[in-house]
N, C-alpha and C. Protein backbone atom coordinates (compact mmCIF):
# COMPACT_ATOMS: atom_id res chain seq x y z
N UNK A 1 -7.76 1.49 8.25
CA UNK A 1 -6.38 1.96 8.20
C UNK A 1 -5.43 0.84 7.77
N UNK A 2 -5.80 -0.38 8.10
CA UNK A 2 -4.96 -1.51 7.72
C UNK A 2 -4.83 -1.61 6.20
N UNK A 3 -5.94 -1.34 5.49
CA UNK A 3 -5.88 -1.43 4.03
C UNK A 3 -4.95 -0.37 3.45
N UNK A 4 -4.85 0.80 4.10
CA UNK A 4 -3.92 1.84 3.65
C UNK A 4 -2.49 1.32 3.74
N UNK A 5 -2.15 0.70 4.85
CA UNK A 5 -0.79 0.18 5.02
C UNK A 5 -0.51 -0.98 4.08
N UNK A 6 -1.51 -1.84 3.86
CA UNK A 6 -1.31 -2.95 2.92
C UNK A 6 -1.05 -2.44 1.51
N UNK A 7 -1.83 -1.45 1.08
CA UNK A 7 -1.64 -0.89 -0.26
C UNK A 7 -0.30 -0.17 -0.35
N UNK A 8 0.06 0.57 0.70
CA UNK A 8 1.34 1.30 0.70
C UNK A 8 2.51 0.32 0.65
N UNK A 9 2.37 -0.80 1.33
CA UNK A 9 3.44 -1.81 1.35
C UNK A 9 3.69 -2.35 -0.05
N UNK A 10 2.62 -2.66 -0.79
CA UNK A 10 2.77 -3.17 -2.15
C UNK A 10 3.39 -2.11 -3.06
N UNK A 11 2.93 -0.86 -2.92
CA UNK A 11 3.45 0.23 -3.74
C UNK A 11 4.94 0.45 -3.45
N UNK A 12 5.32 0.49 -2.19
CA UNK A 12 6.73 0.69 -1.83
C UNK A 12 7.58 -0.49 -2.29
N UNK A 13 7.04 -1.68 -2.23
CA UNK A 13 7.77 -2.86 -2.70
C UNK A 13 8.07 -2.74 -4.18
N UNK A 14 7.08 -2.29 -4.96
CA UNK A 14 7.27 -2.14 -6.40
C UNK A 14 8.27 -1.04 -6.74
N UNK A 15 8.39 -0.03 -5.88
CA UNK A 15 9.28 1.09 -6.16
C UNK A 15 10.61 0.99 -5.41
N UNK A 16 10.84 -0.10 -4.71
CA UNK A 16 12.01 -0.22 -3.84
C UNK A 16 13.33 -0.06 -4.59
N UNK A 17 13.47 -0.68 -5.77
CA UNK A 17 14.75 -0.59 -6.47
C UNK A 17 15.03 0.84 -6.93
N UNK A 18 14.00 1.58 -7.29
CA UNK A 18 14.19 2.98 -7.69
C UNK A 18 14.63 3.82 -6.50
N UNK A 19 13.94 3.67 -5.36
CA UNK A 19 14.32 4.43 -4.17
C UNK A 19 15.73 4.05 -3.72
N UNK A 20 16.05 2.76 -3.82
CA UNK A 20 17.37 2.29 -3.41
C UNK A 20 18.45 2.89 -4.30
N UNK A 21 18.21 2.89 -5.62
CA UNK A 21 19.14 3.51 -6.57
C UNK A 21 19.40 4.97 -6.20
N UNK A 22 18.33 5.73 -5.97
CA UNK A 22 18.49 7.15 -5.65
C UNK A 22 19.20 7.35 -4.32
N UNK A 23 18.90 6.52 -3.34
CA UNK A 23 19.56 6.64 -2.03
C UNK A 23 21.06 6.36 -2.15
N UNK A 24 21.42 5.30 -2.86
CA UNK A 24 22.84 4.97 -3.03
C UNK A 24 23.55 6.08 -3.80
N UNK A 25 22.90 6.62 -4.83
CA UNK A 25 23.49 7.72 -5.60
C UNK A 25 23.75 8.93 -4.72
N UNK A 26 22.78 9.28 -3.87
CA UNK A 26 22.94 10.44 -3.01
C UNK A 26 24.03 10.23 -1.95
N UNK A 27 24.12 9.03 -1.43
CA UNK A 27 25.10 8.75 -0.38
C UNK A 27 26.51 8.61 -0.94
N UNK A 28 26.65 7.87 -2.03
CA UNK A 28 28.00 7.54 -2.53
C UNK A 28 28.46 8.44 -3.68
N UNK A 29 27.49 9.06 -4.38
CA UNK A 29 27.78 9.84 -5.59
C UNK A 29 28.45 8.98 -6.67
N UNK A 30 28.21 7.68 -6.60
CA UNK A 30 28.80 6.73 -7.52
C UNK A 30 27.68 6.15 -8.39
N UNK A 31 27.57 6.65 -9.63
CA UNK A 31 26.49 6.24 -10.51
C UNK A 31 26.54 4.74 -10.83
N UNK A 32 27.70 4.18 -11.24
CA UNK A 32 27.71 2.73 -11.55
C UNK A 32 27.33 1.86 -10.35
N UNK A 33 27.81 2.23 -9.17
CA UNK A 33 27.46 1.46 -7.97
C UNK A 33 25.95 1.53 -7.71
N UNK A 34 25.38 2.73 -7.81
CA UNK A 34 23.94 2.90 -7.59
C UNK A 34 23.13 2.09 -8.59
N UNK A 35 23.55 2.11 -9.84
CA UNK A 35 22.84 1.34 -10.87
C UNK A 35 22.94 -0.15 -10.58
N UNK A 36 24.14 -0.62 -10.31
CA UNK A 36 24.35 -2.05 -10.04
C UNK A 36 23.54 -2.54 -8.86
N UNK A 37 23.55 -1.78 -7.77
CA UNK A 37 22.80 -2.20 -6.58
C UNK A 37 21.29 -2.11 -6.81
N UNK A 38 20.84 -1.09 -7.55
CA UNK A 38 19.42 -1.00 -7.89
C UNK A 38 18.97 -2.19 -8.72
N UNK A 39 19.79 -2.57 -9.70
CA UNK A 39 19.49 -3.73 -10.53
C UNK A 39 19.46 -5.00 -9.68
N UNK A 40 20.44 -5.14 -8.80
CA UNK A 40 20.51 -6.34 -7.95
C UNK A 40 19.27 -6.46 -7.06
N UNK A 41 18.83 -5.34 -6.50
CA UNK A 41 17.64 -5.39 -5.65
C UNK A 41 16.41 -5.77 -6.47
N UNK A 42 16.26 -5.22 -7.67
CA UNK A 42 15.13 -5.58 -8.53
C UNK A 42 15.10 -7.06 -8.85
N UNK A 43 16.25 -7.61 -9.20
CA UNK A 43 16.35 -9.05 -9.50
C UNK A 43 16.07 -9.87 -8.24
N UNK A 44 16.60 -9.45 -7.11
CA UNK A 44 16.38 -10.19 -5.86
C UNK A 44 14.90 -10.22 -5.47
N UNK A 45 14.20 -9.11 -5.68
CA UNK A 45 12.77 -9.08 -5.35
C UNK A 45 11.99 -10.10 -6.19
N UNK A 46 12.26 -10.13 -7.49
CA UNK A 46 11.55 -11.07 -8.37
C UNK A 46 11.95 -12.51 -8.03
N UNK A 47 13.24 -12.74 -7.77
CA UNK A 47 13.71 -14.08 -7.41
C UNK A 47 13.02 -14.56 -6.13
N UNK A 48 12.87 -13.67 -5.17
CA UNK A 48 12.20 -14.00 -3.91
C UNK A 48 10.75 -14.41 -4.16
N UNK A 49 10.06 -13.67 -5.02
CA UNK A 49 8.67 -14.02 -5.33
C UNK A 49 8.58 -15.35 -6.07
N UNK A 50 9.50 -15.58 -7.00
CA UNK A 50 9.50 -16.84 -7.73
C UNK A 50 9.80 -18.01 -6.78
N UNK A 51 10.73 -17.82 -5.85
CA UNK A 51 11.06 -18.86 -4.88
C UNK A 51 9.86 -19.20 -4.00
N UNK A 52 9.03 -18.20 -3.75
CA UNK A 52 7.83 -18.40 -2.93
C UNK A 52 6.62 -18.81 -3.78
N UNK A 53 6.86 -19.02 -5.08
CA UNK A 53 5.83 -19.42 -6.04
C UNK A 53 4.68 -18.41 -6.11
N UNK A 54 5.03 -17.12 -6.01
CA UNK A 54 4.03 -16.06 -6.14
C UNK A 54 3.99 -15.58 -7.58
N UNK A 55 2.82 -15.14 -8.00
CA UNK A 55 2.63 -14.65 -9.36
C UNK A 55 3.35 -13.31 -9.54
N UNK A 56 4.00 -13.14 -10.69
CA UNK A 56 4.65 -11.88 -11.03
C UNK A 56 3.67 -11.07 -11.86
N UNK A 57 3.27 -9.92 -11.33
CA UNK A 57 2.32 -9.05 -12.00
C UNK A 57 2.97 -8.39 -13.22
N UNK A 58 2.15 -7.98 -14.19
CA UNK A 58 2.66 -7.33 -15.40
C UNK A 58 3.51 -6.12 -15.06
N UNK A 59 3.05 -5.29 -14.12
CA UNK A 59 3.80 -4.09 -13.74
C UNK A 59 5.15 -4.46 -13.13
N UNK A 60 5.19 -5.52 -12.34
CA UNK A 60 6.44 -5.94 -11.74
C UNK A 60 7.42 -6.45 -12.80
N UNK A 61 6.92 -7.25 -13.71
CA UNK A 61 7.77 -7.76 -14.79
C UNK A 61 8.29 -6.65 -15.66
N UNK A 62 7.42 -5.70 -15.99
CA UNK A 62 7.83 -4.55 -16.80
C UNK A 62 8.88 -3.73 -16.06
N UNK A 63 8.67 -3.53 -14.78
CA UNK A 63 9.61 -2.75 -13.98
C UNK A 63 10.99 -3.42 -13.95
N UNK A 64 11.01 -4.73 -13.75
CA UNK A 64 12.29 -5.44 -13.72
C UNK A 64 13.00 -5.34 -15.08
N UNK A 65 12.25 -5.54 -16.16
CA UNK A 65 12.85 -5.43 -17.49
C UNK A 65 13.46 -4.06 -17.70
N UNK A 66 12.72 -3.02 -17.32
CA UNK A 66 13.22 -1.64 -17.51
C UNK A 66 14.44 -1.36 -16.64
N UNK A 67 14.43 -1.85 -15.42
CA UNK A 67 15.58 -1.65 -14.52
C UNK A 67 16.83 -2.30 -15.11
N UNK A 68 16.70 -3.53 -15.59
CA UNK A 68 17.85 -4.24 -16.13
C UNK A 68 18.31 -3.63 -17.46
N UNK A 69 17.37 -3.38 -18.37
CA UNK A 69 17.74 -2.84 -19.69
C UNK A 69 18.35 -1.45 -19.58
N UNK A 70 17.71 -0.57 -18.83
CA UNK A 70 18.23 0.79 -18.73
C UNK A 70 19.50 0.83 -17.89
N UNK A 71 19.58 -0.01 -16.87
CA UNK A 71 20.80 -0.06 -16.06
C UNK A 71 21.98 -0.54 -16.87
N UNK A 72 21.78 -1.56 -17.66
CA UNK A 72 22.86 -2.08 -18.51
C UNK A 72 23.30 -1.02 -19.53
N UNK A 73 22.33 -0.35 -20.13
CA UNK A 73 22.66 0.70 -21.11
C UNK A 73 23.44 1.83 -20.44
N UNK A 74 23.06 2.19 -19.24
CA UNK A 74 23.76 3.25 -18.50
C UNK A 74 25.19 2.86 -18.18
N UNK A 75 25.36 1.62 -17.76
CA UNK A 75 26.71 1.15 -17.42
C UNK A 75 27.59 1.10 -18.67
N UNK A 76 27.01 0.74 -19.81
CA UNK A 76 27.80 0.65 -21.04
C UNK A 76 28.18 2.03 -21.59
N UNK A 77 27.33 3.01 -21.45
CA UNK A 77 27.61 4.33 -22.02
C UNK A 77 28.47 5.21 -21.13
N UNK A 78 28.47 5.00 -19.85
CA UNK A 78 29.21 5.83 -18.89
C UNK A 78 28.83 7.31 -19.02
N UNK A 79 27.64 7.58 -19.43
CA UNK A 79 27.18 8.96 -19.64
C UNK A 79 26.14 9.29 -18.58
N UNK A 80 26.44 10.20 -17.65
CA UNK A 80 25.48 10.50 -16.60
C UNK A 80 24.18 11.10 -17.13
N UNK A 81 24.23 11.80 -18.27
CA UNK A 81 22.99 12.35 -18.83
C UNK A 81 22.04 11.23 -19.24
N UNK A 82 22.58 10.13 -19.74
CA UNK A 82 21.72 9.00 -20.10
C UNK A 82 21.06 8.44 -18.84
N UNK A 83 21.84 8.31 -17.79
CA UNK A 83 21.31 7.80 -16.52
C UNK A 83 20.22 8.73 -16.00
N UNK A 84 20.43 10.02 -16.16
CA UNK A 84 19.48 10.99 -15.63
C UNK A 84 18.20 11.08 -16.47
N UNK A 85 18.29 10.89 -17.76
CA UNK A 85 17.11 10.97 -18.62
C UNK A 85 16.38 9.63 -18.67
N UNK A 86 17.08 8.56 -18.38
CA UNK A 86 16.50 7.21 -18.40
C UNK A 86 15.17 7.11 -17.65
N UNK A 87 15.02 7.71 -16.45
CA UNK A 87 13.73 7.59 -15.77
C UNK A 87 12.55 8.15 -16.57
N UNK A 88 12.82 9.13 -17.45
CA UNK A 88 11.72 9.65 -18.27
C UNK A 88 11.18 8.58 -19.20
N UNK A 89 12.07 7.77 -19.75
CA UNK A 89 11.63 6.66 -20.61
C UNK A 89 10.80 5.69 -19.77
N UNK A 90 11.29 5.40 -18.58
CA UNK A 90 10.57 4.48 -17.69
C UNK A 90 9.21 5.05 -17.33
N UNK A 91 9.16 6.35 -17.00
CA UNK A 91 7.88 6.98 -16.66
C UNK A 91 6.89 6.87 -17.82
N UNK A 92 7.36 7.11 -19.04
CA UNK A 92 6.46 7.05 -20.20
C UNK A 92 5.97 5.62 -20.41
N UNK A 93 6.86 4.65 -20.34
CA UNK A 93 6.45 3.25 -20.53
C UNK A 93 5.47 2.83 -19.44
N UNK A 94 5.79 3.17 -18.20
CA UNK A 94 4.89 2.82 -17.09
C UNK A 94 3.56 3.55 -17.25
N UNK A 95 3.60 4.81 -17.67
CA UNK A 95 2.37 5.56 -17.91
C UNK A 95 1.50 4.89 -18.96
N UNK A 96 2.13 4.42 -20.03
CA UNK A 96 1.37 3.72 -21.09
C UNK A 96 0.75 2.45 -20.53
N UNK A 97 1.52 1.69 -19.73
CA UNK A 97 0.97 0.47 -19.12
C UNK A 97 -0.18 0.81 -18.19
N UNK A 98 -0.07 1.93 -17.49
CA UNK A 98 -1.12 2.34 -16.56
C UNK A 98 -2.39 2.81 -17.26
N UNK A 99 -2.34 2.99 -18.56
CA UNK A 99 -3.54 3.34 -19.31
C UNK A 99 -4.47 2.14 -19.48
N UNK A 100 -3.98 0.96 -19.12
CA UNK A 100 -4.80 -0.26 -19.18
C UNK A 100 -5.80 -0.25 -18.03
N UNK A 101 -7.11 -0.18 -18.32
CA UNK A 101 -8.10 -0.16 -17.24
C UNK A 101 -7.98 -1.40 -16.35
N UNK A 102 -8.08 -1.20 -15.06
CA UNK A 102 -8.09 -2.31 -14.12
C UNK A 102 -6.73 -2.71 -13.57
N UNK A 103 -5.65 -2.07 -14.00
CA UNK A 103 -4.34 -2.47 -13.51
C UNK A 103 -4.22 -2.28 -12.00
N UNK A 104 -5.00 -1.36 -11.47
CA UNK A 104 -4.86 -1.01 -10.06
C UNK A 104 -5.51 -2.02 -9.11
N UNK A 105 -6.31 -2.91 -9.63
CA UNK A 105 -7.05 -3.86 -8.78
C UNK A 105 -6.10 -4.64 -7.88
N UNK A 106 -4.92 -4.93 -8.35
CA UNK A 106 -3.92 -5.68 -7.57
C UNK A 106 -3.60 -4.99 -6.24
N UNK A 107 -3.71 -3.68 -6.22
CA UNK A 107 -3.34 -2.90 -5.05
C UNK A 107 -4.49 -2.68 -4.07
N UNK A 108 -5.68 -3.14 -4.41
CA UNK A 108 -6.86 -2.84 -3.61
C UNK A 108 -7.32 -4.04 -2.79
N UNK A 109 -7.83 -3.78 -1.59
CA UNK A 109 -8.44 -4.87 -0.82
C UNK A 109 -9.78 -5.26 -1.47
N UNK A 110 -10.26 -6.47 -1.20
CA UNK A 110 -11.50 -6.95 -1.84
C UNK A 110 -12.70 -6.02 -1.65
N UNK A 111 -12.84 -5.42 -0.48
CA UNK A 111 -13.99 -4.54 -0.25
C UNK A 111 -13.92 -3.31 -1.15
N UNK A 112 -12.73 -2.81 -1.42
CA UNK A 112 -12.59 -1.65 -2.32
C UNK A 112 -12.90 -2.05 -3.75
N UNK A 113 -12.49 -3.25 -4.15
CA UNK A 113 -12.81 -3.73 -5.49
C UNK A 113 -14.32 -3.82 -5.66
N UNK A 114 -15.00 -4.27 -4.62
CA UNK A 114 -16.46 -4.41 -4.66
C UNK A 114 -17.16 -3.06 -4.71
N UNK A 115 -16.68 -2.09 -3.92
CA UNK A 115 -17.40 -0.82 -3.76
C UNK A 115 -16.95 0.29 -4.70
N UNK A 116 -15.68 0.34 -5.05
CA UNK A 116 -15.17 1.51 -5.79
C UNK A 116 -14.27 1.12 -6.96
N UNK A 117 -14.58 0.03 -7.63
CA UNK A 117 -13.74 -0.37 -8.76
C UNK A 117 -13.79 0.67 -9.88
N UNK A 118 -14.90 1.39 -10.01
CA UNK A 118 -14.98 2.44 -11.02
C UNK A 118 -13.99 3.57 -10.71
N UNK A 119 -13.86 3.91 -9.44
CA UNK A 119 -12.89 4.94 -9.05
C UNK A 119 -11.46 4.46 -9.25
N UNK A 120 -11.24 3.16 -9.04
CA UNK A 120 -9.91 2.61 -9.27
C UNK A 120 -9.51 2.79 -10.73
N UNK A 121 -10.46 2.62 -11.64
CA UNK A 121 -10.16 2.83 -13.06
C UNK A 121 -9.83 4.29 -13.32
N UNK A 122 -10.60 5.21 -12.75
CA UNK A 122 -10.34 6.64 -12.92
C UNK A 122 -8.96 7.00 -12.36
N UNK A 123 -8.67 6.53 -11.15
CA UNK A 123 -7.37 6.84 -10.55
C UNK A 123 -6.23 6.16 -11.31
N UNK A 124 -6.50 5.05 -11.95
CA UNK A 124 -5.48 4.43 -12.80
C UNK A 124 -5.05 5.39 -13.90
N UNK A 125 -6.01 6.09 -14.49
CA UNK A 125 -5.69 7.08 -15.51
C UNK A 125 -5.00 8.31 -14.92
N UNK A 126 -5.38 8.68 -13.69
CA UNK A 126 -4.72 9.80 -13.01
C UNK A 126 -3.24 9.45 -12.76
N UNK A 127 -3.00 8.21 -12.33
CA UNK A 127 -1.61 7.76 -12.13
C UNK A 127 -0.83 7.79 -13.44
N UNK A 128 -1.47 7.38 -14.52
CA UNK A 128 -0.81 7.45 -15.83
C UNK A 128 -0.43 8.89 -16.15
N UNK A 129 -1.36 9.82 -15.89
CA UNK A 129 -1.07 11.24 -16.12
C UNK A 129 0.11 11.71 -15.29
N UNK A 130 0.17 11.27 -14.03
CA UNK A 130 1.30 11.64 -13.17
C UNK A 130 2.61 11.12 -13.75
N UNK A 131 2.59 9.92 -14.31
CA UNK A 131 3.80 9.37 -14.91
C UNK A 131 4.26 10.23 -16.09
N UNK A 132 3.34 10.67 -16.92
CA UNK A 132 3.70 11.50 -18.08
C UNK A 132 4.24 12.86 -17.63
N UNK A 133 3.61 13.46 -16.63
CA UNK A 133 4.11 14.74 -16.08
C UNK A 133 5.49 14.53 -15.48
N UNK A 134 5.68 13.43 -14.76
CA UNK A 134 6.97 13.13 -14.13
C UNK A 134 8.07 12.96 -15.18
N UNK A 135 7.72 12.40 -16.33
CA UNK A 135 8.70 12.25 -17.41
C UNK A 135 9.21 13.62 -17.87
N UNK A 136 8.30 14.57 -18.02
CA UNK A 136 8.68 15.92 -18.44
C UNK A 136 9.50 16.61 -17.35
N UNK A 137 9.05 16.51 -16.10
CA UNK A 137 9.78 17.11 -14.98
C UNK A 137 11.20 16.55 -14.91
N UNK A 138 11.34 15.25 -15.09
CA UNK A 138 12.66 14.62 -15.04
C UNK A 138 13.58 15.10 -16.15
N UNK A 139 13.06 15.25 -17.37
CA UNK A 139 13.90 15.73 -18.47
C UNK A 139 14.40 17.14 -18.18
N UNK A 140 13.52 18.00 -17.71
CA UNK A 140 13.93 19.37 -17.38
C UNK A 140 15.00 19.36 -16.29
N UNK A 141 14.77 18.56 -15.23
CA UNK A 141 15.75 18.49 -14.13
C UNK A 141 17.08 17.91 -14.61
N UNK A 142 17.03 16.89 -15.46
CA UNK A 142 18.26 16.25 -15.95
C UNK A 142 19.09 17.20 -16.80
N UNK A 143 18.43 18.07 -17.54
CA UNK A 143 19.15 19.01 -18.40
C UNK A 143 19.66 20.23 -17.64
N UNK A 144 19.08 20.52 -16.48
CA UNK A 144 19.44 21.74 -15.74
C UNK A 144 20.33 21.49 -14.51
N UNK A 145 20.33 20.26 -13.97
CA UNK A 145 20.99 20.00 -12.68
C UNK A 145 22.17 19.04 -12.83
N UNK A 146 23.07 19.08 -11.86
CA UNK A 146 24.16 18.10 -11.79
C UNK A 146 23.58 16.75 -11.38
N UNK A 147 24.33 15.64 -11.57
CA UNK A 147 23.78 14.33 -11.19
C UNK A 147 23.34 14.24 -9.73
N UNK A 148 24.12 14.80 -8.81
CA UNK A 148 23.75 14.70 -7.39
C UNK A 148 22.54 15.58 -7.10
N UNK A 149 22.52 16.80 -7.65
CA UNK A 149 21.37 17.69 -7.44
C UNK A 149 20.12 17.08 -8.07
N UNK A 150 20.28 16.49 -9.24
CA UNK A 150 19.16 15.82 -9.90
C UNK A 150 18.64 14.68 -9.02
N UNK A 151 19.55 13.87 -8.47
CA UNK A 151 19.15 12.76 -7.62
C UNK A 151 18.37 13.23 -6.40
N UNK A 152 18.83 14.31 -5.78
CA UNK A 152 18.13 14.85 -4.61
C UNK A 152 16.76 15.38 -5.00
N UNK A 153 16.71 16.16 -6.08
CA UNK A 153 15.44 16.74 -6.51
C UNK A 153 14.44 15.66 -6.90
N UNK A 154 14.87 14.72 -7.73
CA UNK A 154 13.94 13.70 -8.19
C UNK A 154 13.50 12.75 -7.07
N UNK A 155 14.37 12.54 -6.08
CA UNK A 155 13.96 11.73 -4.92
C UNK A 155 12.81 12.42 -4.19
N UNK A 156 13.00 13.71 -3.94
CA UNK A 156 11.95 14.47 -3.26
C UNK A 156 10.68 14.55 -4.09
N UNK A 157 10.84 14.86 -5.37
CA UNK A 157 9.68 14.96 -6.25
C UNK A 157 8.92 13.63 -6.31
N UNK A 158 9.64 12.53 -6.50
CA UNK A 158 9.00 11.22 -6.59
C UNK A 158 8.23 10.90 -5.32
N UNK A 159 8.84 11.16 -4.19
CA UNK A 159 8.19 10.85 -2.92
C UNK A 159 6.95 11.70 -2.71
N UNK A 160 7.10 13.02 -2.89
CA UNK A 160 5.98 13.93 -2.63
C UNK A 160 4.83 13.69 -3.61
N UNK A 161 5.15 13.57 -4.90
CA UNK A 161 4.09 13.42 -5.90
C UNK A 161 3.35 12.10 -5.75
N UNK A 162 4.09 11.03 -5.55
CA UNK A 162 3.45 9.73 -5.50
C UNK A 162 2.75 9.47 -4.17
N UNK A 163 3.37 9.85 -3.08
CA UNK A 163 2.70 9.70 -1.78
C UNK A 163 1.49 10.63 -1.71
N UNK A 164 1.65 11.85 -2.25
CA UNK A 164 0.53 12.79 -2.25
C UNK A 164 -0.67 12.24 -3.02
N UNK A 165 -0.43 11.74 -4.23
CA UNK A 165 -1.53 11.17 -5.02
C UNK A 165 -2.08 9.93 -4.34
N UNK A 166 -1.22 9.11 -3.76
CA UNK A 166 -1.67 7.91 -3.06
C UNK A 166 -2.63 8.28 -1.93
N UNK A 167 -2.27 9.30 -1.13
CA UNK A 167 -3.13 9.71 -0.01
C UNK A 167 -4.45 10.31 -0.49
N UNK A 168 -4.40 11.11 -1.55
CA UNK A 168 -5.63 11.66 -2.12
C UNK A 168 -6.53 10.53 -2.61
N UNK A 169 -5.94 9.57 -3.30
CA UNK A 169 -6.71 8.45 -3.82
C UNK A 169 -7.31 7.65 -2.67
N UNK A 170 -6.51 7.36 -1.67
CA UNK A 170 -7.00 6.55 -0.55
C UNK A 170 -8.16 7.25 0.15
N UNK A 171 -8.00 8.55 0.44
CA UNK A 171 -9.06 9.29 1.14
C UNK A 171 -10.33 9.35 0.29
N UNK A 172 -10.19 9.60 -0.99
CA UNK A 172 -11.35 9.68 -1.88
C UNK A 172 -12.06 8.35 -1.97
N UNK A 173 -11.30 7.29 -2.22
CA UNK A 173 -11.92 5.98 -2.39
C UNK A 173 -12.53 5.48 -1.09
N UNK A 174 -11.89 5.78 0.02
CA UNK A 174 -12.45 5.36 1.31
C UNK A 174 -13.76 6.10 1.59
N UNK A 175 -13.75 7.42 1.37
CA UNK A 175 -14.96 8.22 1.62
C UNK A 175 -16.12 7.73 0.75
N UNK A 176 -15.87 7.58 -0.55
CA UNK A 176 -16.92 7.13 -1.46
C UNK A 176 -17.34 5.70 -1.15
N UNK A 177 -16.37 4.84 -0.86
CA UNK A 177 -16.67 3.45 -0.56
C UNK A 177 -17.53 3.29 0.68
N UNK A 178 -17.21 4.05 1.73
CA UNK A 178 -18.00 3.98 2.97
C UNK A 178 -19.42 4.47 2.71
N UNK A 179 -19.57 5.56 1.96
CA UNK A 179 -20.91 6.08 1.64
C UNK A 179 -21.71 5.06 0.82
N UNK A 180 -21.07 4.45 -0.16
CA UNK A 180 -21.77 3.47 -1.00
C UNK A 180 -22.17 2.24 -0.18
N UNK A 181 -21.30 1.81 0.70
CA UNK A 181 -21.61 0.63 1.51
C UNK A 181 -22.78 0.93 2.45
N UNK A 182 -22.78 2.10 3.08
CA UNK A 182 -23.89 2.46 3.97
C UNK A 182 -25.21 2.55 3.21
N UNK A 183 -25.15 3.13 1.99
CA UNK A 183 -26.35 3.24 1.17
C UNK A 183 -26.87 1.84 0.81
N UNK A 184 -25.96 0.94 0.44
CA UNK A 184 -26.37 -0.43 0.09
C UNK A 184 -26.97 -1.15 1.29
N UNK A 185 -26.37 -0.95 2.46
CA UNK A 185 -26.90 -1.59 3.68
C UNK A 185 -28.27 -1.02 4.03
N UNK A 186 -28.44 0.30 3.83
CA UNK A 186 -29.73 0.93 4.11
C UNK A 186 -30.81 0.41 3.16
N UNK A 187 -30.47 0.23 1.89
CA UNK A 187 -31.43 -0.30 0.92
C UNK A 187 -31.84 -1.73 1.27
N UNK A 188 -30.87 -2.54 1.71
CA UNK A 188 -31.19 -3.92 2.11
C UNK A 188 -32.08 -3.91 3.32
N UNK A 189 -31.81 -3.02 4.29
CA UNK A 189 -32.63 -2.94 5.49
C UNK A 189 -34.06 -2.50 5.15
N UNK A 190 -34.20 -1.56 4.22
CA UNK A 190 -35.52 -1.10 3.82
C UNK A 190 -36.31 -2.20 3.13
N UNK A 191 -35.62 -2.99 2.28
CA UNK A 191 -36.28 -4.09 1.59
C UNK A 191 -36.77 -5.13 2.59
N UNK A 192 -35.95 -5.39 3.62
CA UNK A 192 -36.33 -6.39 4.62
C UNK A 192 -37.54 -5.93 5.43
N UNK A 193 -37.59 -4.64 5.73
CA UNK A 193 -38.75 -4.14 6.52
C UNK A 193 -39.99 -3.98 5.68
N UNK A 194 -39.86 -3.84 4.36
CA UNK A 194 -41.05 -3.65 3.51
C UNK A 194 -41.66 -4.98 3.06
N UNK A 195 -40.97 -6.09 3.32
CA UNK A 195 -41.52 -7.39 2.93
C UNK A 195 -42.60 -7.78 3.93
N UNK A 196 -43.85 -8.06 3.45
CA UNK A 196 -44.92 -8.42 4.39
C UNK A 196 -44.66 -9.77 5.07
N UNK A 197 -45.08 -9.87 6.30
CA UNK A 197 -44.88 -11.10 7.07
C UNK A 197 -45.90 -12.14 6.72
């Protein structure tokens, strides 16, 4: 169970600026304020890691670049539709990055890397698919809903879809990993008993 919380912590850390942006938007209904604070949190997270001399992962660097670039563009245009459609661009870019096999290894404990790295690659592609679907869902919501309704809907959708897939992945990988580990231990035990004294 500890590995579930460790993986969830890393995932939530990577998505913190997005959740913060949506929360500020829902509470204040102030798009520029939400964008500015979301950008500030993204920069602060990377600065904190750099101050602690921690490595910045490709996904983290890409996320920060997208938060700053799209936030600046949103602030310059003053167009709420741009702000609302912007996540679709982010979803597509992140989805493309997630098509890189092995990106998920960063989120896995060592035992999972050893036992189910093949499943991590498969789920990496499933996550990419979710990003592409989310891009389409976001465009439809942005064109049909007001900014506040869009913020509420996309907050719920993001949470349910991503936490749902995370839990499915965790349960699947844990089940398969435990079975594979037991099988490997049984094979080692059989080899030890079949060796003549």
